Amino acid sequence: VMNLNLNFTGVNNGYELYQNVPNPFVKSTVVGFNLPSSMRGKLTVYDVTGKVLKVVEQTFNKGNNQVTLTRSELAASGILYYTLETADYTATKKMIILE
């Protein structure tokens, strides 16, 4: 008989930022994410030069959340990035807006 301990690295502890859907998109897209509890968060969308195009900052619910983004509010095309930030979690993904 032996003792066995498992250690997992990279565990998200209930946090997860999902890929936007659809991607690429023309008119609008939805960014989804999961939070382990209700908390303040900030979703920032920016272009490849780092210029901030949109910020959504609010208290989000525990569990799945969604933010809808439209092409008109982003006023950009091509490759963009979005980052979800909370007090103890940060993740970034890439999205594409088609002409």
PDB file of N, CA and C in Angstrom:
ATOM      1  N   VAL A   1       0.850  -1.177   0.000  1.00  0.00           N
ATOM      2  CA  VAL A   1       0.000   0.000   0.000  1.00  0.00           C
ATOM      3  C   VAL A   1       0.892   1.234   0.000  1.00  0.00           C
ATOM      4  N   MET A   2       0.562   2.172  -0.903  1.00  0.00           N
ATOM      5  CA  MET A   2       1.318   3.423  -1.011  1.00  0.00           C
ATOM      6  C   MET A   2       0.350   4.597  -0.970  1.00  0.00           C
ATOM      7  N   ASN A   3       0.811   5.702  -0.435  1.00  0.00           N
ATOM      8  CA  ASN A   3       0.028   6.929  -0.483  1.00  0.00           C
ATOM      9  C   ASN A   3       0.260   7.587  -1.841  1.00  0.00           C
ATOM     10  N   LEU A   4      -0.821   8.091  -2.406  1.00  0.00           N
ATOM     11  CA  LEU A   4      -0.738   8.731  -3.705  1.00  0.00           C
ATOM     12  C   LEU A   4      -1.319  10.133  -3.600  1.00  0.00           C
ATOM     13  N   ASN A   5      -0.539  11.124  -3.968  1.00  0.00           N
ATOM     14  CA  ASN A   5      -1.001  12.509  -3.982  1.00  0.00           C
ATOM     15  C   ASN A   5      -0.960  13.021  -5.407  1.00  0.00           C
ATOM     16  N   LEU A   6      -2.019  13.672  -5.830  1.00  0.00           N
ATOM     17  CA  LEU A   6      -2.067  14.285  -7.152  1.00  0.00           C
ATOM     18  C   LEU A   6      -2.056  15.791  -7.003  1.00  0.00           C
ATOM     19  N   ASN A   7      -1.203  16.452  -7.747  1.00  0.00           N
ATOM     20  CA  ASN A   7      -1.152  17.913  -7.778  1.00  0.00           C
ATOM     21  C   ASN A   7      -1.404  18.355  -9.201  1.00  0.00           C
ATOM     22  N   PHE A   8      -2.405  19.196  -9.382  1.00  0.00           N
ATOM     23  CA  PHE A   8      -2.738  19.707 -10.699  1.00  0.00           C
ATOM     24  C   PHE A   8      -2.236  21.137 -10.812  1.00  0.00           C
ATOM     25  N   THR A   9      -1.566  21.424 -11.913  1.00  0.00           N
ATOM     26  CA  THR A   9      -1.136  22.793 -12.162  1.00  0.00           C
ATOM     27  C   THR A   9      -1.992  23.363 -13.280  1.00  0.00           C
ATOM     28  N   GLY A  10      -2.162  24.667 -13.261  1.00  0.00           N
ATOM     29  CA  GLY A  10      -2.971  25.302 -14.289  1.00  0.00           C
ATOM     30  C   GLY A  10      -4.459  25.174 -14.051  1.00  0.00           C
ATOM     31  N   VAL A  11      -4.872  24.780 -12.872  1.00  0.00           N
ATOM     32  CA  VAL A  11      -6.292  24.664 -12.560  1.00  0.00           C
ATOM     33  C   VAL A  11      -6.877  26.065 -12.483  1.00  0.00           C
ATOM     34  N   ASN A  12      -8.043  26.266 -13.102  1.00  0.00           N
ATOM     35  CA  ASN A  12      -8.600  27.604 -13.196  1.00  0.00           C
ATOM     36  C   ASN A  12      -9.444  28.010 -11.990  1.00  0.00           C
ATOM     37  N   ASN A  13      -9.654  27.135 -11.015  1.00  0.00           N
ATOM     38  CA  ASN A  13     -10.386  27.450  -9.785  1.00  0.00           C
ATOM     39  C   ASN A  13     -11.763  28.054 -10.045  1.00  0.00           C
ATOM     40  N   GLY A  14     -12.426  27.615 -11.108  1.00  0.00           N
ATOM     41  CA  GLY A  14     -13.760  28.107 -11.419  1.00  0.00           C
ATOM     42  C   GLY A  14     -13.779  29.270 -12.381  1.00  0.00           C
ATOM     43  N   TYR A  15     -12.622  29.817 -12.720  1.00  0.00           N
ATOM     44  CA  TYR A  15     -12.536  30.899 -13.699  1.00  0.00           C
ATOM     45  C   TYR A  15     -12.332  30.297 -15.079  1.00  0.00           C
ATOM     46  N   GLU A  16     -12.990  30.883 -16.069  1.00  0.00           N
ATOM     47  CA  GLU A  16     -12.718  30.459 -17.436  1.00  0.00           C
ATOM     48  C   GLU A  16     -13.212  31.526 -18.399  1.00  0.00           C
ATOM     49  N   LEU A  17     -12.347  31.923 -19.315  1.00  0.00           N
ATOM     50  CA  LEU A  17     -12.698  32.850 -20.384  1.00  0.00           C
ATOM     51  C   LEU A  17     -12.840  32.024 -21.651  1.00  0.00           C
ATOM     52  N   TYR A  18     -13.999  32.132 -22.298  1.00  0.00           N
ATOM     53  CA  TYR A  18     -14.276  31.338 -23.493  1.00  0.00           C
ATOM     54  C   TYR A  18     -13.952  32.129 -24.761  1.00  0.00           C
ATOM     55  N   GLN A  19     -13.770  31.390 -25.846  1.00  0.00           N
ATOM     56  CA  GLN A  19     -13.579  32.014 -27.151  1.00  0.00           C
ATOM     57  C   GLN A  19     -14.886  32.672 -27.576  1.00  0.00           C
ATOM     58  N   ASN A  20     -14.788  33.860 -28.141  1.00  0.00           N
ATOM     59  CA  ASN A  20     -16.001  34.542 -28.609  1.00  0.00           C
ATOM     60  C   ASN A  20     -16.681  33.733 -29.711  1.00  0.00           C
ATOM     61  N   VAL A  21     -18.010  33.886 -29.810  1.00  0.00           N
ATOM     62  CA  VAL A  21     -18.805  33.152 -30.790  1.00  0.00           C
ATOM     63  C   VAL A  21     -19.745  34.132 -31.463  1.00  0.00           C
ATOM     64  N   PRO A  22     -19.831  34.208 -32.790  1.00  0.00           N
ATOM     65  CA  PRO A  22     -18.931  33.511 -33.712  1.00  0.00           C
ATOM     66  C   PRO A  22     -17.585  34.213 -33.801  1.00  0.00           C
ATOM     67  N   ASN A  23     -16.625  33.490 -34.274  1.00  0.00           N
ATOM     68  CA  ASN A  23     -15.293  34.041 -34.506  1.00  0.00           C
ATOM     69  C   ASN A  23     -14.717  33.362 -35.744  1.00  0.00           C
ATOM     70  N   PRO A  24     -14.447  34.110 -36.804  1.00  0.00           N
ATOM     71  CA  PRO A  24     -14.575  35.557 -36.966  1.00  0.00           C
ATOM     72  C   PRO A  24     -16.040  35.982 -37.055  1.00  0.00           C
ATOM     73  N   PHE A  25     -16.267  37.299 -36.910  1.00  0.00           N
ATOM     74  CA  PHE A  25     -17.631  37.824 -36.993  1.00  0.00           C
ATOM     75  C   PHE A  25     -17.687  39.073 -37.850  1.00  0.00           C
ATOM     76  N   VAL A  26     -18.927  39.416 -38.280  1.00  0.00           N
ATOM     77  CA  VAL A  26     -19.137  40.588 -39.116  1.00  0.00           C
ATOM     78  C   VAL A  26     -19.894  41.668 -38.347  1.00  0.00           C
ATOM     79  N   LYS A  27     -21.031  41.318 -37.734  1.00  0.00           N
ATOM     80  CA  LYS A  27     -21.863  42.322 -37.062  1.00  0.00           C
ATOM     81  C   LYS A  27     -21.752  42.303 -35.541  1.00  0.00           C
ATOM     82  N   SER A  28     -21.836  41.125 -34.943  1.00  0.00           N
ATOM     83  CA  SER A  28     -21.760  41.036 -33.478  1.00  0.00           C
ATOM     84  C   SER A  28     -21.205  39.692 -33.054  1.00  0.00           C
ATOM     85  N   THR A  29     -20.732  39.652 -31.807  1.00  0.00           N
ATOM     86  CA  THR A  29     -20.172  38.434 -31.240  1.00  0.00           C
ATOM     87  C   THR A  29     -20.465  38.420 -29.749  1.00  0.00           C
ATOM     88  N   VAL A  30     -20.392  37.246 -29.150  1.00  0.00           N
ATOM     89  CA  VAL A  30     -20.644  37.092 -27.718  1.00  0.00           C
ATOM     90  C   VAL A  30     -19.398  36.523 -27.058  1.00  0.00           C
ATOM     91  N   VAL A  31     -18.950  37.203 -25.997  1.00  0.00           N
ATOM     92  CA  VAL A  31     -17.825  36.732 -25.193  1.00  0.00           C
ATOM     93  C   VAL A  31     -18.415  36.145 -23.917  1.00  0.00           C
ATOM     94  N   GLY A  32     -18.118  34.878 -23.661  1.00  0.00           N
ATOM     95  CA  GLY A  32     -18.612  34.209 -22.466  1.00  0.00           C
ATOM     96  C   GLY A  32     -17.489  33.906 -21.500  1.00  0.00           C
ATOM     97  N   PHE A  33     -17.835  33.855 -20.226  1.00  0.00           N
ATOM     98  CA  PHE A  33     -16.851  33.504 -19.210  1.00  0.00           C
ATOM     99  C   PHE A  33     -17.560  32.979 -17.977  1.00  0.00           C
ATOM    100  N   ASN A  34     -16.832  32.235 -17.173  1.00  0.00           N
ATOM    101  CA  ASN A  34     -17.358  31.638 -15.953  1.00  0.00           C
ATOM    102  C   ASN A  34     -16.593  32.184 -14.754  1.00  0.00           C
ATOM    103  N   LEU A  35     -17.319  32.524 -13.693  1.00  0.00           N
ATOM    104  CA  LEU A  35     -16.704  33.018 -12.461  1.00  0.00           C
ATOM    105  C   LEU A  35     -17.122  32.135 -11.286  1.00  0.00           C
ATOM    106  N   PRO A  36     -16.228  31.894 -10.321  1.00  0.00           N
ATOM    107  CA  PRO A  36     -16.547  31.023  -9.185  1.00  0.00           C
ATOM    108  C   PRO A  36     -17.491  31.670  -8.174  1.00  0.00           C
ATOM    109  N   SER A  37     -17.632  32.989  -8.215  1.00  0.00           N
ATOM    110  CA  SER A  37     -18.549  33.702  -7.317  1.00  0.00           C
ATOM    111  C   SER A  37     -18.892  35.042  -7.952  1.00  0.00           C
ATOM    112  N   SER A  38     -19.891  35.696  -7.415  1.00  0.00           N
ATOM    113  CA  SER A  38     -20.248  37.032  -7.889  1.00  0.00           C
ATOM    114  C   SER A  38     -19.105  37.979  -7.537  1.00  0.00           C
ATOM    115  N   MET A  39     -18.640  38.747  -8.517  1.00  0.00           N
ATOM    116  CA  MET A  39     -17.493  39.626  -8.270  1.00  0.00           C
ATOM    117  C   MET A  39     -17.395  40.714  -9.331  1.00  0.00           C
ATOM    118  N   ARG A  40     -16.616  41.708  -8.993  1.00  0.00           N
ATOM    119  CA  ARG A  40     -16.315  42.807  -9.911  1.00  0.00           C
ATOM    120  C   ARG A  40     -15.335  42.305 -10.956  1.00  0.00           C
ATOM    121  N   GLY A  41     -15.594  42.655 -12.212  1.00  0.00           N
ATOM    122  CA  GLY A  41     -14.707  42.251 -13.283  1.00  0.00           C
ATOM    123  C   GLY A  41     -14.666  43.293 -14.373  1.00  0.00           C
ATOM    124  N   LYS A  42     -13.658  43.174 -15.217  1.00  0.00           N
ATOM    125  CA  LYS A  42     -13.506  44.110 -16.320  1.00  0.00           C
ATOM    126  C   LYS A  42     -13.134  43.341 -17.578  1.00  0.00           C
ATOM    127  N   LEU A  43     -13.921  43.555 -18.649  1.00  0.00           N
ATOM    128  CA  LEU A  43     -13.631  42.987 -19.954  1.00  0.00           C
ATOM    129  C   LEU A  43     -13.167  44.134 -20.845  1.00  0.00           C
ATOM    130  N   THR A  44     -11.944  44.034 -21.347  1.00  0.00           N
ATOM    131  CA  THR A  44     -11.356  45.088 -22.172  1.00  0.00           C
ATOM    132  C   THR A  44     -11.068  44.533 -23.555  1.00  0.00           C
ATOM    133  N   VAL A  45     -11.479  45.275 -24.587  1.00  0.00           N
ATOM    134  CA  VAL A  45     -11.204  44.904 -25.972  1.00  0.00           C
ATOM    135  C   VAL A  45     -10.230  45.934 -26.531  1.00  0.00           C
ATOM    136  N   TYR A  46      -9.175  45.451 -27.195  1.00  0.00           N
ATOM    137  CA  TYR A  46      -8.176  46.366 -27.739  1.00  0.00           C
ATOM    138  C   TYR A  46      -7.616  45.822 -29.049  1.00  0.00           C
ATOM    139  N   ASP A  47      -7.031  46.714 -29.844  1.00  0.00           N
ATOM    140  CA  ASP A  47      -6.476  46.307 -31.131  1.00  0.00           C
ATOM    141  C   ASP A  47      -5.020  45.863 -30.978  1.00  0.00           C
ATOM    142  N   VAL A  48      -4.393  45.520 -32.100  1.00  0.00           N
ATOM    143  CA  VAL A  48      -3.032  44.984 -32.055  1.00  0.00           C
ATOM    144  C   VAL A  48      -2.005  46.014 -31.600  1.00  0.00           C
ATOM    145  N   THR A  49      -2.341  47.302 -31.662  1.00  0.00           N
ATOM    146  CA  THR A  49      -1.421  48.337 -31.187  1.00  0.00           C
ATOM    147  C   THR A  49      -1.584  48.609 -29.695  1.00  0.00           C
ATOM    148  N   GLY A  50      -2.611  47.991 -29.081  1.00  0.00           N
ATOM    149  CA  GLY A  50      -2.866  48.200 -27.662  1.00  0.00           C
ATOM    150  C   GLY A  50      -3.901  49.272 -27.377  1.00  0.00           C
ATOM    151  N   LYS A  51      -4.453  49.873 -28.420  1.00  0.00           N
ATOM    152  CA  LYS A  51      -5.481  50.905 -28.247  1.00  0.00           C
ATOM    153  C   LYS A  51      -6.765  50.267 -27.708  1.00  0.00           C
ATOM    154  N   VAL A  52      -7.247  50.782 -26.584  1.00  0.00           N
ATOM    155  CA  VAL A  52      -8.461  50.250 -25.968  1.00  0.00           C
ATOM    156  C   VAL A  52      -9.673  50.710 -26.768  1.00  0.00           C
ATOM    157  N   LEU A  53     -10.507  49.755 -27.173  1.00  0.00           N
ATOM    158  CA  LEU A  53     -11.684  50.043 -27.980  1.00  0.00           C
ATOM    159  C   LEU A  53     -12.977  50.007 -27.180  1.00  0.00           C
ATOM    160  N   LYS A  54     -13.021  49.181 -26.144  1.00  0.00           N
ATOM    161  CA  LYS A  54     -14.245  49.033 -25.347  1.00  0.00           C
ATOM    162  C   LYS A  54     -13.876  48.456 -23.996  1.00  0.00           C
ATOM    163  N   VAL A  55     -14.517  48.967 -22.948  1.00  0.00           N
ATOM    164  CA  VAL A  55     -14.342  48.434 -21.595  1.00  0.00           C
ATOM    165  C   VAL A  55     -15.723  48.204 -20.999  1.00  0.00           C
ATOM    166  N   VAL A  56     -15.949  46.998 -20.494  1.00  0.00           N
ATOM    167  CA  VAL A  56     -17.176  46.673 -19.770  1.00  0.00           C
ATOM    168  C   VAL A  56     -16.745  46.312 -18.359  1.00  0.00           C
ATOM    169  N   GLU A  57     -17.078  47.168 -17.396  1.00  0.00           N
ATOM    170  CA  GLU A  57     -16.673  46.941 -16.006  1.00  0.00           C
ATOM    171  C   GLU A  57     -17.923  46.952 -15.144  1.00  0.00           C
ATOM    172  N   GLN A  58     -18.143  45.846 -14.433  1.00  0.00           N
ATOM    173  CA  GLN A  58     -19.328  45.727 -13.599  1.00  0.00           C
ATOM    174  C   GLN A  58     -19.183  44.546 -12.649  1.00  0.00           C
ATOM    175  N   THR A  59     -20.177  44.356 -11.807  1.00  0.00           N
ATOM    176  CA  THR A  59     -20.224  43.175 -10.960  1.00  0.00           C
ATOM    177  C   THR A  59     -20.956  42.087 -11.731  1.00  0.00           C
ATOM    178  N   PHE A  60     -20.265  40.987 -11.988  1.00  0.00           N
ATOM    179  CA  PHE A  60     -20.826  39.871 -12.739  1.00  0.00           C
ATOM    180  C   PHE A  60     -21.305  38.792 -11.772  1.00  0.00           C
ATOM    181  N   ASN A  61     -22.238  37.967 -12.234  1.00  0.00           N
ATOM    182  CA  ASN A  61     -22.821  36.901 -11.427  1.00  0.00           C
ATOM    183  C   ASN A  61     -21.898  35.699 -11.321  1.00  0.00           C
ATOM    184  N   LYS A  62     -22.120  34.898 -10.296  1.00  0.00           N
ATOM    185  CA  LYS A  62     -21.447  33.609 -10.175  1.00  0.00           C
ATOM    186  C   LYS A  62     -21.907  32.729 -11.336  1.00  0.00           C
ATOM    187  N   GLY A  63     -20.993  31.983 -11.916  1.00  0.00           N
ATOM    188  CA  GLY A  63     -21.342  31.086 -13.013  1.00  0.00           C
ATOM    189  C   GLY A  63     -21.091  31.726 -14.360  1.00  0.00           C
ATOM    190  N   ASN A  64     -21.891  31.314 -15.336  1.00  0.00           N
ATOM    191  CA  ASN A  64     -21.695  31.781 -16.703  1.00  0.00           C
ATOM    192  C   ASN A  64     -22.203  33.199 -16.906  1.00  0.00           C
ATOM    193  N   ASN A  65     -21.425  33.990 -17.607  1.00  0.00           N
ATOM    194  CA  ASN A  65     -21.761  35.366 -17.962  1.00  0.00           C
ATOM    195  C   ASN A  65     -21.472  35.555 -19.440  1.00  0.00           C
ATOM    196  N   GLN A  66     -22.170  36.514 -20.064  1.00  0.00           N
ATOM    197  CA  GLN A  66     -21.954  36.824 -21.469  1.00  0.00           C
ATOM    198  C   GLN A  66     -21.982  38.322 -21.683  1.00  0.00           C
ATOM    199  N   VAL A  67     -21.125  38.782 -22.582  1.00  0.00           N
ATOM    200  CA  VAL A  67     -21.111  40.179 -23.004  1.00  0.00           C
ATOM    201  C   VAL A  67     -21.193  40.173 -24.530  1.00  0.00           C
ATOM    202  N   THR A  68     -22.180  40.884 -25.077  1.00  0.00           N
ATOM    203  CA  THR A  68     -22.326  40.995 -26.525  1.00  0.00           C
ATOM    204  C   THR A  68     -21.602  42.241 -27.004  1.00  0.00           C
ATOM    205  N   LEU A  69     -20.796  42.070 -28.033  1.00  0.00           N
ATOM    206  CA  LEU A  69     -20.045  43.173 -28.624  1.00  0.00           C
ATOM    207  C   LEU A  69     -20.476  43.331 -30.075  1.00  0.00           C
ATOM    208  N   THR A  70     -20.662  44.574 -30.510  1.00  0.00           N
ATOM    209  CA  THR A  70     -21.035  44.828 -31.897  1.00  0.00           C
ATOM    210  C   THR A  70     -19.892  45.527 -32.620  1.00  0.00           C
ATOM    211  N   ARG A  71     -19.865  45.321 -33.913  1.00  0.00           N
ATOM    212  CA  ARG A  71     -18.830  45.939 -34.738  1.00  0.00           C
ATOM    213  C   ARG A  71     -18.884  47.459 -34.626  1.00  0.00           C
ATOM    214  N   SER A  72     -20.095  48.020 -34.571  1.00  0.00           N
ATOM    215  CA  SER A  72     -20.237  49.474 -34.531  1.00  0.00           C
ATOM    216  C   SER A  72     -19.637  50.073 -33.258  1.00  0.00           C
ATOM    217  N   GLU A  73     -19.738  49.385 -32.122  1.00  0.00           N
ATOM    218  CA  GLU A  73     -19.166  49.932 -30.887  1.00  0.00           C
ATOM    219  C   GLU A  73     -17.657  49.729 -30.801  1.00  0.00           C
ATOM    220  N   LEU A  74     -17.131  48.795 -31.584  1.00  0.00           N
ATOM    221  CA  LEU A  74     -15.684  48.568 -31.582  1.00  0.00           C
ATOM    222  C   LEU A  74     -14.970  49.430 -32.621  1.00  0.00           C
ATOM    223  N   ALA A  75     -15.678  49.798 -33.684  1.00  0.00           N
ATOM    224  CA  ALA A  75     -15.125  50.663 -34.734  1.00  0.00           C
ATOM    225  C   ALA A  75     -13.741  50.200 -35.189  1.00  0.00           C
ATOM    226  N   ALA A  76     -13.644  48.925 -35.534  1.00  0.00           N
ATOM    227  CA  ALA A  76     -12.364  48.366 -35.959  1.00  0.00           C
ATOM    228  C   ALA A  76     -12.618  47.164 -36.855  1.00  0.00           C
ATOM    229  N   SER A  77     -11.565  46.665 -37.457  1.00  0.00           N
ATOM    230  CA  SER A  77     -11.641  45.406 -38.202  1.00  0.00           C
ATOM    231  C   SER A  77     -10.289  44.711 -38.083  1.00  0.00           C
ATOM    232  N   GLY A  78     -10.277  43.445 -38.429  1.00  0.00           N
ATOM    233  CA  GLY A  78      -9.041  42.671 -38.324  1.00  0.00           C
ATOM    234  C   GLY A  78      -8.940  41.949 -36.995  1.00  0.00           C
ATOM    235  N   ILE A  79      -7.734  41.805 -36.502  1.00  0.00           N
ATOM    236  CA  ILE A  79      -7.478  41.057 -35.268  1.00  0.00           C
ATOM    237  C   ILE A  79      -7.593  41.985 -34.061  1.00  0.00           C
ATOM    238  N   LEU A  80      -8.379  41.558 -33.092  1.00  0.00           N
ATOM    239  CA  LEU A  80      -8.524  42.268 -31.818  1.00  0.00           C
ATOM    240  C   LEU A  80      -8.260  41.280 -30.692  1.00  0.00           C
ATOM    241  N   TYR A  81      -8.017  41.801 -29.506  1.00  0.00           N
ATOM    242  CA  TYR A  81      -7.822  40.975 -28.317  1.00  0.00           C
ATOM    243  C   TYR A  81      -8.809  41.406 -27.254  1.00  0.00           C
ATOM    244  N   TYR A  82      -9.205  40.471 -26.395  1.00  0.00           N
ATOM    245  CA  TYR A  82     -10.038  40.812 -25.250  1.00  0.00           C
ATOM    246  C   TYR A  82      -9.475  40.146 -24.007  1.00  0.00           C
ATOM    247  N   THR A  83      -9.519  40.907 -22.905  1.00  0.00           N
ATOM    248  CA  THR A  83      -8.955  40.455 -21.640  1.00  0.00           C
ATOM    249  C   THR A  83     -10.009  40.555 -20.561  1.00  0.00           C
ATOM    250  N   LEU A  84     -10.152  39.488 -19.785  1.00  0.00           N
ATOM    251  CA  LEU A  84     -11.010  39.482 -18.606  1.00  0.00           C
ATOM    252  C   LEU A  84     -10.112  39.613 -17.390  1.00  0.00           C
ATOM    253  N   GLU A  85     -10.404  40.604 -16.540  1.00  0.00           N
ATOM    254  CA  GLU A  85      -9.623  40.816 -15.321  1.00  0.00           C
ATOM    255  C   GLU A  85     -10.545  40.849 -14.110  1.00  0.00           C
ATOM    256  N   THR A  86     -10.141  40.127 -13.064  1.00  0.00           N
ATOM    257  CA  THR A  86     -10.781  40.222 -11.752  1.00  0.00           C
ATOM    258  C   THR A  86      -9.653  40.437 -10.741  1.00  0.00           C
ATOM    259  N   ALA A  87      -9.993  40.453  -9.477  1.00  0.00           N
ATOM    260  CA  ALA A  87      -8.978  40.685  -8.446  1.00  0.00           C
ATOM    261  C   ALA A  87      -7.856  39.643  -8.483  1.00  0.00           C
ATOM    262  N   ASP A  88      -8.194  38.394  -8.848  1.00  0.00           N
ATOM    263  CA  ASP A  88      -7.171  37.343  -8.813  1.00  0.00           C
ATOM    264  C   ASP A  88      -7.131  36.463 -10.066  1.00  0.00           C
ATOM    265  N   TYR A  89      -7.599  36.988 -11.198  1.00  0.00           N
ATOM    266  CA  TYR A  89      -7.597  36.206 -12.437  1.00  0.00           C
ATOM    267  C   TYR A  89      -7.488  37.153 -13.625  1.00  0.00           C
ATOM    268  N   THR A  90      -6.676  36.773 -14.598  1.00  0.00           N
ATOM    269  CA  THR A  90      -6.579  37.508 -15.857  1.00  0.00           C
ATOM    270  C   THR A  90      -6.390  36.497 -16.987  1.00  0.00           C
ATOM    271  N   ALA A  91      -7.153  36.682 -18.071  1.00  0.00           N
ATOM    272  CA  ALA A  91      -7.000  35.831 -19.253  1.00  0.00           C
ATOM    273  C   ALA A  91      -7.278  36.657 -20.493  1.00  0.00           C
ATOM    274  N   THR A  92      -6.613  36.306 -21.585  1.00  0.00           N
ATOM    275  CA  THR A  92      -6.752  37.032 -22.840  1.00  0.00           C
ATOM    276  C   THR A  92      -7.000  36.058 -23.983  1.00  0.00           C
ATOM    277  N   LYS A  93      -7.853  36.455 -24.919  1.00  0.00           N
ATOM    278  CA  LYS A  93      -8.130  35.688 -26.132  1.00  0.00           C
ATOM    279  C   LYS A  93      -8.108  36.628 -27.332  1.00  0.00           C
ATOM    280  N   LYS A  94      -8.076  36.036 -28.520  1.00  0.00           N
ATOM    281  CA  LYS A  94      -8.028  36.794 -29.760  1.00  0.00           C
ATOM    282  C   LYS A  94      -9.349  36.620 -30.503  1.00  0.00           C
ATOM    283  N   MET A  95      -9.805  37.704 -31.169  1.00  0.00           N
ATOM    284  CA  MET A  95     -10.991  37.633 -32.016  1.00  0.00           C
ATOM    285  C   MET A  95     -10.695  38.309 -33.350  1.00  0.00           C
ATOM    286  N   ILE A  96     -11.521  38.011 -34.348  1.00  0.00           N
ATOM    287  CA  ILE A  96     -11.329  38.582 -35.679  1.00  0.00           C
ATOM    288  C   ILE A  96     -12.642  39.179 -36.165  1.00  0.00           C
ATOM    289  N   ILE A  97     -12.565  40.438 -36.641  1.00  0.00           N
ATOM    290  CA  ILE A  97     -13.714  41.092 -37.268  1.00  0.00           C
ATOM    291  C   ILE A  97     -13.437  41.126 -38.776  1.00  0.00           C
ATOM    292  N   LEU A  98     -14.398  40.617 -39.550  1.00  0.00           N
ATOM    293  CA  LEU A  98     -14.260  40.616 -41.006  1.00  0.00           C
ATOM    294  C   LEU A  98     -14.859  41.867 -41.608  1.00  0.00           C
ATOM    295  N   GLU A  99     -14.313  42.278 -42.737  1.00  0.00           N
ATOM    296  CA  GLU A  99     -14.846  43.444 -43.476  1.00  0.00           C
ATOM    297  C   GLU A  99     -16.178  43.076 -44.076  1.00  0.00           C
TER     298      GLU A  99
END
